[in-house]
Amino acid sequence: MEERSSGGSRIFRHEQSAPGSSSVGDAALGEAISGHIARHYDMPEAVLLHPEESSYVAIDVHVVLPKPNRPVYVAVTSGMSERAMKNGRRAELMLLLPSTWPAPGTPEFHDERGYWPYRLLQDLARLPHQFDTVLWAGHTVPNGDPATPYAKGAGFTGALIAPAVIAPDGFETLEYDGGEIEFFAVWPLYTDEMQFKLDEGLERLYDLMEAAKLLEIIHVGRPSVLPRRRGLFRRR
């Protein structure tokens, strides 16, 4: 029997990995995604991580550097779509970081407080292959059970997979090898936001995110999108 939350969200518990396999990556796929990034962002990009071999699929992270008219880092995976997911579809993930984020290659970048968004991308991109499942728009993934922050000071304990709001037009889909690769944004969430989605449903969470004018740029320390409850003795 499938498990659902009070808000109607289906709950998957990933407790057992699929049979192990390894990958050294797909060079043609990496080139196609690199070209897709360059066409839409009109900017050279750097591959931050290219593992020689990886479990299930090899996940590279491409990063578009900030510039004056786009003061953010854009990080995009390639490798998640090396294999189709259980539903036969393919996807890659992306997230945005403010220009003040530790730059690649600096000591602060290699600290977990600077690297956790990239690790999150890699872990999420590997998840559907590791557990023979699907990771798609509207899905939320907690950071463990019980969920804990991704890094000291980060605050976020889970992530929502959802369409990108500020990506260039056309970036969301890449025609490749006779099919399509969908690109989704990773939106880190707080524990109360994750619970709200389970209790009230995805559309209600989307409403709060829109009301808060939340974008897919990671902002450590941002307020929760849930309205603050006034205490009994708090001045109104």
C-alpha atoms as a PDB file:
ATOM      1  CA  MET A   1       0.000   0.000   0.000  1.00  0.00           C
ATOM      2  CA  GLU A   2       1.409   3.384  -0.964  1.00  0.00           C
ATOM      3  CA  GLU A   3       2.047   5.920   1.801  1.00  0.00           C
ATOM      4  CA  ARG A   4       0.612   9.432   1.513  1.00  0.00           C
ATOM      5  CA  SER A   5       0.823  12.509   3.710  1.00  0.00           C
ATOM      6  CA  SER A   6      -2.230  14.311   5.084  1.00  0.00           C
ATOM      7  CA  GLY A   7      -1.853  16.783   2.196  1.00  0.00           C
ATOM      8  CA  GLY A   8      -2.007  14.016  -0.401  1.00  0.00           C
ATOM      9  CA  SER A   9       1.697  13.862  -1.244  1.00  0.00           C
ATOM     10  CA  ARG A  10       2.964  10.381  -1.977  1.00  0.00           C
ATOM     11  CA  ILE A  11       5.811   9.431   0.364  1.00  0.00           C
ATOM     12  CA  PHE A  12       8.706   7.309  -0.871  1.00  0.00           C
ATOM     13  CA  ARG A  13      11.162   5.863   1.632  1.00  0.00           C
ATOM     14  CA  HIS A  14      14.482   5.101  -0.038  1.00  0.00           C
ATOM     15  CA  GLU A  15      15.898   2.448   2.236  1.00  0.00           C
ATOM     16  CA  GLN A  16      17.558  -0.008  -0.131  1.00  0.00           C
ATOM     17  CA  SER A  17      19.893   0.815  -2.992  1.00  0.00           C
ATOM     18  CA  ALA A  18      19.498  -0.723  -6.424  1.00  0.00           C
ATOM     19  CA  PRO A  19      22.140  -3.246  -7.529  1.00  0.00           C
ATOM     20  CA  GLY A  20      25.463  -1.479  -7.786  1.00  0.00           C
ATOM     21  CA  SER A  21      26.939  -0.333 -11.064  1.00  0.00           C
ATOM     22  CA  SER A  22      29.512   2.223 -12.113  1.00  0.00           C
ATOM     23  CA  SER A  23      30.009   4.784 -14.826  1.00  0.00           C
ATOM     24  CA  VAL A  24      32.902   6.759 -16.238  1.00  0.00           C
ATOM     25  CA  GLY A  25      30.504   9.257 -17.783  1.00  0.00           C
ATOM     26  CA  ASP A  26      29.138   9.985 -21.231  1.00  0.00           C
ATOM     27  CA  ALA A  27      31.375  12.446 -23.093  1.00  0.00           C
ATOM     28  CA  ALA A  28      28.802  13.161 -25.815  1.00  0.00           C
ATOM     29  CA  LEU A  29      26.139  13.945 -23.239  1.00  0.00           C
ATOM     30  CA  GLY A  30      28.508  16.245 -21.365  1.00  0.00           C
ATOM     31  CA  GLU A  31      29.336  18.123 -24.556  1.00  0.00           C
ATOM     32  CA  ALA A  32      25.654  18.481 -25.452  1.00  0.00           C
ATOM     33  CA  ILE A  33      24.795  19.916 -22.049  1.00  0.00           C
ATOM     34  CA  SER A  34      27.851  22.176 -22.089  1.00  0.00           C
ATOM     35  CA  GLY A  35      26.733  23.527 -25.464  1.00  0.00           C
ATOM     36  CA  HIS A  36      23.173  23.967 -24.152  1.00  0.00           C
ATOM     37  CA  ILE A  37      24.505  26.039 -21.245  1.00  0.00           C
ATOM     38  CA  ALA A  38      26.722  28.156 -23.500  1.00  0.00           C
ATOM     39  CA  ARG A  39      23.894  28.886 -25.961  1.00  0.00           C
ATOM     40  CA  HIS A  40      21.470  30.065 -23.310  1.00  0.00           C
ATOM     41  CA  TYR A  41      23.828  31.873 -20.950  1.00  0.00           C
ATOM     42  CA  ASP A  42      26.253  33.238 -23.559  1.00  0.00           C
ATOM     43  CA  MET A  43      29.095  32.612 -21.159  1.00  0.00           C
ATOM     44  CA  PRO A  44      31.976  30.168 -20.830  1.00  0.00           C
ATOM     45  CA  GLU A  45      31.465  27.613 -18.089  1.00  0.00           C
ATOM     46  CA  ALA A  46      33.802  25.456 -16.043  1.00  0.00           C
ATOM     47  CA  VAL A  47      33.389  21.827 -15.065  1.00  0.00           C
ATOM     48  CA  LEU A  48      33.965  21.740 -11.334  1.00  0.00           C
ATOM     49  CA  LEU A  49      33.931  18.015 -10.855  1.00  0.00           C
ATOM     50  CA  HIS A  50      34.574  15.221 -13.308  1.00  0.00           C
ATOM     51  CA  PRO A  51      34.950  11.939 -11.410  1.00  0.00           C
ATOM     52  CA  GLU A  52      36.976   9.285 -13.163  1.00  0.00           C
ATOM     53  CA  GLU A  53      34.395   6.730 -12.075  1.00  0.00           C
ATOM     54  CA  SER A  54      31.200   6.997 -10.080  1.00  0.00           C
ATOM     55  CA  SER A  55      28.507   4.739  -8.710  1.00  0.00           C
ATOM     56  CA  TYR A  56      25.417   4.471 -10.961  1.00  0.00           C
ATOM     57  CA  VAL A  57      26.078   7.626 -13.042  1.00  0.00           C
ATOM     58  CA  ALA A  58      28.981  10.080 -13.177  1.00  0.00           C
ATOM     59  CA  ILE A  59      27.752  13.542 -12.168  1.00  0.00           C
ATOM     60  CA  ASP A  60      29.652  16.574 -13.421  1.00  0.00           C
ATOM     61  CA  VAL A  61      28.740  20.057 -12.251  1.00  0.00           C
ATOM     62  CA  HIS A  62      29.045  22.912 -14.757  1.00  0.00           C
ATOM     63  CA  VAL A  63      29.219  26.427 -13.351  1.00  0.00           C
ATOM     64  CA  VAL A  64      28.484  29.685 -15.164  1.00  0.00           C
ATOM     65  CA  LEU A  65      30.406  32.481 -13.479  1.00  0.00           C
ATOM     66  CA  PRO A  66      28.754  35.758 -12.408  1.00  0.00           C
ATOM     67  CA  LYS A  67      28.964  38.888 -14.522  1.00  0.00           C
ATOM     68  CA  PRO A  68      27.598  42.425 -14.000  1.00  0.00           C
ATOM     69  CA  ASN A  69      24.223  41.845 -15.625  1.00  0.00           C
ATOM     70  CA  ARG A  70      23.830  38.402 -14.031  1.00  0.00           C
ATOM     71  CA  PRO A  71      25.319  38.499 -10.522  1.00  0.00           C
ATOM     72  CA  VAL A  72      24.846  34.801  -9.731  1.00  0.00           C
ATOM     73  CA  TYR A  73      26.641  31.495 -10.136  1.00  0.00           C
ATOM     74  CA  VAL A  74      24.588  29.029 -12.194  1.00  0.00           C
ATOM     75  CA  ALA A  75      25.371  25.395 -11.401  1.00  0.00           C
ATOM     76  CA  VAL A  76      24.032  22.666 -13.714  1.00  0.00           C
ATOM     77  CA  THR A  77      24.503  18.904 -13.567  1.00  0.00           C
ATOM     78  CA  SER A  78      25.356  16.621 -16.450  1.00  0.00           C
ATOM     79  CA  GLY A  79      25.170  12.875 -16.006  1.00  0.00           C
ATOM     80  CA  MET A  80      21.809  12.399 -14.332  1.00  0.00           C
ATOM     81  CA  SER A  81      20.345  11.908 -17.805  1.00  0.00           C
ATOM     82  CA  GLU A  82      22.993   9.346 -18.767  1.00  0.00           C
ATOM     83  CA  ARG A  83      20.339   6.772 -17.945  1.00  0.00           C
ATOM     84  CA  ALA A  84      16.559   7.107 -18.039  1.00  0.00           C
ATOM     85  CA  MET A  85      14.730   7.004 -14.734  1.00  0.00           C
ATOM     86  CA  LYS A  86      12.153   4.409 -13.797  1.00  0.00           C
ATOM     87  CA  ASN A  87       9.472   6.349 -15.710  1.00  0.00           C
ATOM     88  CA  GLY A  88      11.588   6.312 -18.875  1.00  0.00           C
ATOM     89  CA  ARG A  89      12.295  10.065 -18.731  1.00  0.00           C
ATOM     90  CA  ARG A  90      15.538  11.983 -18.343  1.00  0.00           C
ATOM     91  CA  ALA A  91      16.369  15.088 -16.340  1.00  0.00           C
ATOM     92  CA  GLU A  92      19.179  17.275 -15.057  1.00  0.00           C
ATOM     93  CA  LEU A  93      19.255  19.700 -12.143  1.00  0.00           C
ATOM     94  CA  MET A  94      20.382  23.264 -11.578  1.00  0.00           C
ATOM     95  CA  LEU A  95      20.595  25.853  -8.818  1.00  0.00           C
ATOM     96  CA  LEU A  96      21.732  29.443  -8.467  1.00  0.00           C
ATOM     97  CA  LEU A  97      24.098  30.974  -5.922  1.00  0.00           C
ATOM     98  CA  PRO A  98      24.680  34.661  -5.159  1.00  0.00           C
ATOM     99  CA  SER A  99      27.850  36.257  -6.520  1.00  0.00           C
ATOM    100  CA  THR A 100      29.100  36.564  -2.928  1.00  0.00           C
ATOM    101  CA  TRP A 101      29.251  32.756  -2.620  1.00  0.00           C
ATOM    102  CA  PRO A 102      32.787  31.334  -2.241  1.00  0.00           C
ATOM    103  CA  ALA A 103      34.390  31.174  -5.659  1.00  0.00           C
ATOM    104  CA  PRO A 104      35.503  27.812  -7.065  1.00  0.00           C
ATOM    105  CA  GLY A 105      39.048  26.956  -6.079  1.00  0.00           C
ATOM    106  CA  THR A 106      39.156  29.086  -2.930  1.00  0.00           C
ATOM    107  CA  PRO A 107      39.623  27.551   0.540  1.00  0.00           C
ATOM    108  CA  GLU A 108      36.110  28.696   1.483  1.00  0.00           C
ATOM    109  CA  PHE A 109      34.679  26.854  -1.525  1.00  0.00           C
ATOM    110  CA  HIS A 110      36.227  23.569  -0.374  1.00  0.00           C
ATOM    111  CA  ASP A 111      34.801  24.017   3.115  1.00  0.00           C
ATOM    112  CA  GLU A 112      31.484  22.169   3.469  1.00  0.00           C
ATOM    113  CA  ARG A 113      29.724  25.478   4.164  1.00  0.00           C
ATOM    114  CA  GLY A 114      30.708  26.556   0.663  1.00  0.00           C
ATOM    115  CA  TYR A 115      30.490  23.224  -1.123  1.00  0.00           C
ATOM    116  CA  TRP A 116      27.182  21.852   0.158  1.00  0.00           C
ATOM    117  CA  PRO A 117      25.019  23.151  -2.754  1.00  0.00           C
ATOM    118  CA  TYR A 118      27.246  21.323  -5.251  1.00  0.00           C
ATOM    119  CA  ARG A 119      27.187  18.163  -3.155  1.00  0.00           C
ATOM    120  CA  LEU A 120      23.397  18.475  -2.987  1.00  0.00           C
ATOM    121  CA  LEU A 121      23.193  18.595  -6.781  1.00  0.00           C
ATOM    122  CA  GLN A 122      25.377  15.499  -7.097  1.00  0.00           C
ATOM    123  CA  ASP A 123      23.472  13.530  -4.466  1.00  0.00           C
ATOM    124  CA  LEU A 124      20.057  14.392  -5.906  1.00  0.00           C
ATOM    125  CA  ALA A 125      21.166  13.668  -9.478  1.00  0.00           C
ATOM    126  CA  ARG A 126      22.378  10.224  -8.417  1.00  0.00           C
ATOM    127  CA  LEU A 127      19.331   9.398  -6.264  1.00  0.00           C
ATOM    128  CA  PRO A 128      16.881   8.097  -8.923  1.00  0.00           C
ATOM    129  CA  HIS A 129      19.490   5.667 -10.228  1.00  0.00           C
ATOM    130  CA  GLN A 130      20.720   4.613  -6.812  1.00  0.00           C
ATOM    131  CA  PHE A 131      17.195   3.719  -5.662  1.00  0.00           C
ATOM    132  CA  ASP A 132      15.599   2.851  -9.040  1.00  0.00           C
ATOM    133  CA  THR A 133      12.989   5.568  -8.659  1.00  0.00           C
ATOM    134  CA  VAL A 134      11.910   8.900 -10.155  1.00  0.00           C
ATOM    135  CA  LEU A 135      12.929  12.434  -9.200  1.00  0.00           C
ATOM    136  CA  TRP A 136      10.699  14.969 -10.914  1.00  0.00           C
ATOM    137  CA  ALA A 137       9.009  18.350 -10.538  1.00  0.00           C
ATOM    138  CA  GLY A 138       7.033  18.597  -7.313  1.00  0.00           C
ATOM    139  CA  HIS A 139       9.087  16.045  -5.414  1.00  0.00           C
ATOM    140  CA  THR A 140      10.707  16.973  -2.104  1.00  0.00           C
ATOM    141  CA  VAL A 141      13.716  15.168  -0.640  1.00  0.00           C
ATOM    142  CA  PRO A 142      14.684  15.540   3.041  1.00  0.00           C
ATOM    143  CA  ASN A 143      18.318  15.477   4.074  1.00  0.00           C
ATOM    144  CA  GLY A 144      18.124  12.251   6.038  1.00  0.00           C
ATOM    145  CA  ASP A 145      15.524  10.846   8.409  1.00  0.00           C
ATOM    146  CA  PRO A 146      15.164  12.806  10.577  1.00  0.00           C
ATOM    147  CA  ALA A 147      16.235  15.632   8.288  1.00  0.00           C
ATOM    148  CA  THR A 148      19.272  17.678   9.316  1.00  0.00           C
ATOM    149  CA  PRO A 149      20.860  20.852   7.854  1.00  0.00           C
ATOM    150  CA  TYR A 150      23.102  20.389   4.830  1.00  0.00           C
ATOM    151  CA  ALA A 151      25.931  22.246   6.550  1.00  0.00           C
ATOM    152  CA  LYS A 152      26.612  24.286   9.644  1.00  0.00           C
ATOM    153  CA  GLY A 153      24.739  27.566   9.374  1.00  0.00           C
ATOM    154  CA  ALA A 154      22.832  26.552   6.241  1.00  0.00           C
ATOM    155  CA  GLY A 155      19.489  25.980   7.964  1.00  0.00           C
ATOM    156  CA  PHE A 156      17.955  24.128   5.001  1.00  0.00           C
ATOM    157  CA  THR A 157      17.046  20.487   5.667  1.00  0.00           C
ATOM    158  CA  GLY A 158      15.486  19.402   2.378  1.00  0.00           C
ATOM    159  CA  ALA A 159      14.969  20.323  -1.244  1.00  0.00           C
ATOM    160  CA  LEU A 160      12.103  20.792  -3.653  1.00  0.00           C
ATOM    161  CA  ILE A 161      12.478  19.888  -7.324  1.00  0.00           C
ATOM    162  CA  ALA A 162      10.554  22.464  -9.354  1.00  0.00           C
ATOM    163  CA  PRO A 163      10.693  24.454 -12.601  1.00  0.00           C
ATOM    164  CA  ALA A 164      13.280  27.222 -12.771  1.00  0.00           C
ATOM    165  CA  VAL A 165      11.745  30.688 -12.608  1.00  0.00           C
ATOM    166  CA  ILE A 166      14.570  32.877 -13.913  1.00  0.00           C
ATOM    167  CA  ALA A 167      16.325  30.539 -16.365  1.00  0.00           C
ATOM    168  CA  PRO A 168      16.525  31.790 -19.973  1.00  0.00           C
ATOM    169  CA  ASP A 169      13.624  30.878 -22.239  1.00  0.00           C
ATOM    170  CA  GLY A 170      14.145  27.478 -23.776  1.00  0.00           C
ATOM    171  CA  PHE A 171      16.691  26.290 -21.233  1.00  0.00           C
ATOM    172  CA  GLU A 172      14.216  23.950 -19.575  1.00  0.00           C
ATOM    173  CA  THR A 173      14.410  21.345 -22.374  1.00  0.00           C
ATOM    174  CA  LEU A 174      17.240  19.893 -24.454  1.00  0.00           C
ATOM    175  CA  GLU A 175      16.587  17.694 -27.472  1.00  0.00           C
ATOM    176  CA  TYR A 176      19.132  14.885 -27.280  1.00  0.00           C
ATOM    177  CA  ASP A 177      19.548  11.429 -28.801  1.00  0.00           C
ATOM    178  CA  GLY A 178      15.978  11.233 -30.083  1.00  0.00           C
ATOM    179  CA  GLY A 179      14.406  12.345 -26.808  1.00  0.00           C
ATOM    180  CA  GLU A 180      14.205  15.218 -24.363  1.00  0.00           C
ATOM    181  CA  ILE A 181      16.156  16.118 -21.241  1.00  0.00           C
ATOM    182  CA  GLU A 182      14.235  18.283 -18.760  1.00  0.00           C
ATOM    183  CA  PHE A 183      16.092  20.757 -16.543  1.00  0.00           C
ATOM    184  CA  PHE A 184      14.658  21.432 -13.083  1.00  0.00           C
ATOM    185  CA  ALA A 185      15.728  23.798 -10.337  1.00  0.00           C
ATOM    186  CA  VAL A 186      16.620  22.681  -6.821  1.00  0.00           C
ATOM    187  CA  TRP A 187      14.957  24.849  -4.176  1.00  0.00           C
ATOM    188  CA  PRO A 188      16.372  24.239  -0.659  1.00  0.00           C
ATOM    189  CA  LEU A 189      13.668  24.322   2.021  1.00  0.00           C
ATOM    190  CA  TYR A 190      13.413  24.560   5.795  1.00  0.00           C
ATOM    191  CA  THR A 191      11.872  21.827   7.913  1.00  0.00           C
ATOM    192  CA  ASP A 192       8.620  23.762   8.416  1.00  0.00           C
ATOM    193  CA  GLU A 193       8.292  24.335   4.653  1.00  0.00           C
ATOM    194  CA  MET A 194       8.835  20.630   3.967  1.00  0.00           C
ATOM    195  CA  GLN A 195       6.218  19.727   6.566  1.00  0.00           C
ATOM    196  CA  PHE A 196       3.771  22.279   5.166  1.00  0.00           C
ATOM    197  CA  LYS A 197       4.013  20.654   1.754  1.00  0.00           C
ATOM    198  CA  LEU A 198       3.244  17.259   3.293  1.00  0.00           C
ATOM    199  CA  ASP A 199       0.349  18.618   5.343  1.00  0.00           C
ATOM    200  CA  GLU A 200      -1.225  21.090   2.915  1.00  0.00           C
ATOM    201  CA  GLY A 201      -0.015  19.989  -0.509  1.00  0.00           C
ATOM    202  CA  LEU A 202       2.331  21.247  -3.187  1.00  0.00           C
ATOM    203  CA  GLU A 203       0.038  23.929  -4.637  1.00  0.00           C
ATOM    204  CA  ARG A 204      -0.365  25.616  -1.245  1.00  0.00           C
ATOM    205  CA  LEU A 205       3.425  25.671  -0.846  1.00  0.00           C
ATOM    206  CA  TYR A 206       3.774  27.158  -4.335  1.00  0.00           C
ATOM    207  CA  ASP A 207       1.299  29.875  -3.325  1.00  0.00           C
ATOM    208  CA  LEU A 208       3.428  30.808  -0.320  1.00  0.00           C
ATOM    209  CA  MET A 209       6.636  30.756  -2.346  1.00  0.00           C
ATOM    210  CA  GLU A 210       5.082  33.051  -4.935  1.00  0.00           C
ATOM    211  CA  ALA A 211       3.711  35.399  -2.263  1.00  0.00           C
ATOM    212  CA  ALA A 212       7.201  35.581  -0.736  1.00  0.00           C
ATOM    213  CA  LYS A 213       8.672  36.269  -4.203  1.00  0.00           C
ATOM    214  CA  LEU A 214      11.049  33.382  -3.636  1.00  0.00           C
ATOM    215  CA  LEU A 215      13.516  32.667  -6.454  1.00  0.00           C
ATOM    216  CA  GLU A 216      15.786  29.690  -7.027  1.00  0.00           C
ATOM    217  CA  ILE A 217      18.807  31.704  -5.859  1.00  0.00           C
ATOM    218  CA  ILE A 218      20.019  30.160  -2.609  1.00  0.00           C
ATOM    219  CA  HIS A 219      19.795  32.749   0.141  1.00  0.00           C
ATOM    220  CA  VAL A 220      21.140  31.371   3.412  1.00  0.00           C
ATOM    221  CA  GLY A 221      19.245  32.946   6.280  1.00  0.00           C
ATOM    222  CA  ARG A 222      16.149  33.870   4.271  1.00  0.00           C
ATOM    223  CA  PRO A 223      12.873  33.887   6.217  1.00  0.00           C
ATOM    224  CA  SER A 224      10.609  30.870   5.965  1.00  0.00           C
ATOM    225  CA  VAL A 225       7.728  31.381   3.539  1.00  0.00           C
ATOM    226  CA  LEU A 226       5.292  30.282   6.251  1.00  0.00           C
ATOM    227  CA  PRO A 227       3.508  33.173   7.955  1.00  0.00           C
ATOM    228  CA  ARG A 228       4.789  33.871  11.436  1.00  0.00           C
ATOM    229  CA  ARG A 229       2.312  33.143  14.172  1.00  0.00           C
ATOM    230  CA  ARG A 230       1.897  35.895  16.723  1.00  0.00           C
ATOM    231  CA  GLY A 231       2.428  34.813  20.312  1.00  0.00           C
ATOM    232  CA  LEU A 232      -0.287  35.367  22.902  1.00  0.00           C
ATOM    233  CA  PHE A 233       1.593  38.220  24.562  1.00  0.00           C
ATOM    234  CA  ARG A 234       3.396  39.549  21.503  1.00  0.00           C
ATOM    235  CA  ARG A 235       2.681  43.173  20.685  1.00  0.00           C
ATOM    236  CA  ARG A 236       0.496  43.492  17.592  1.00  0.00           C
END
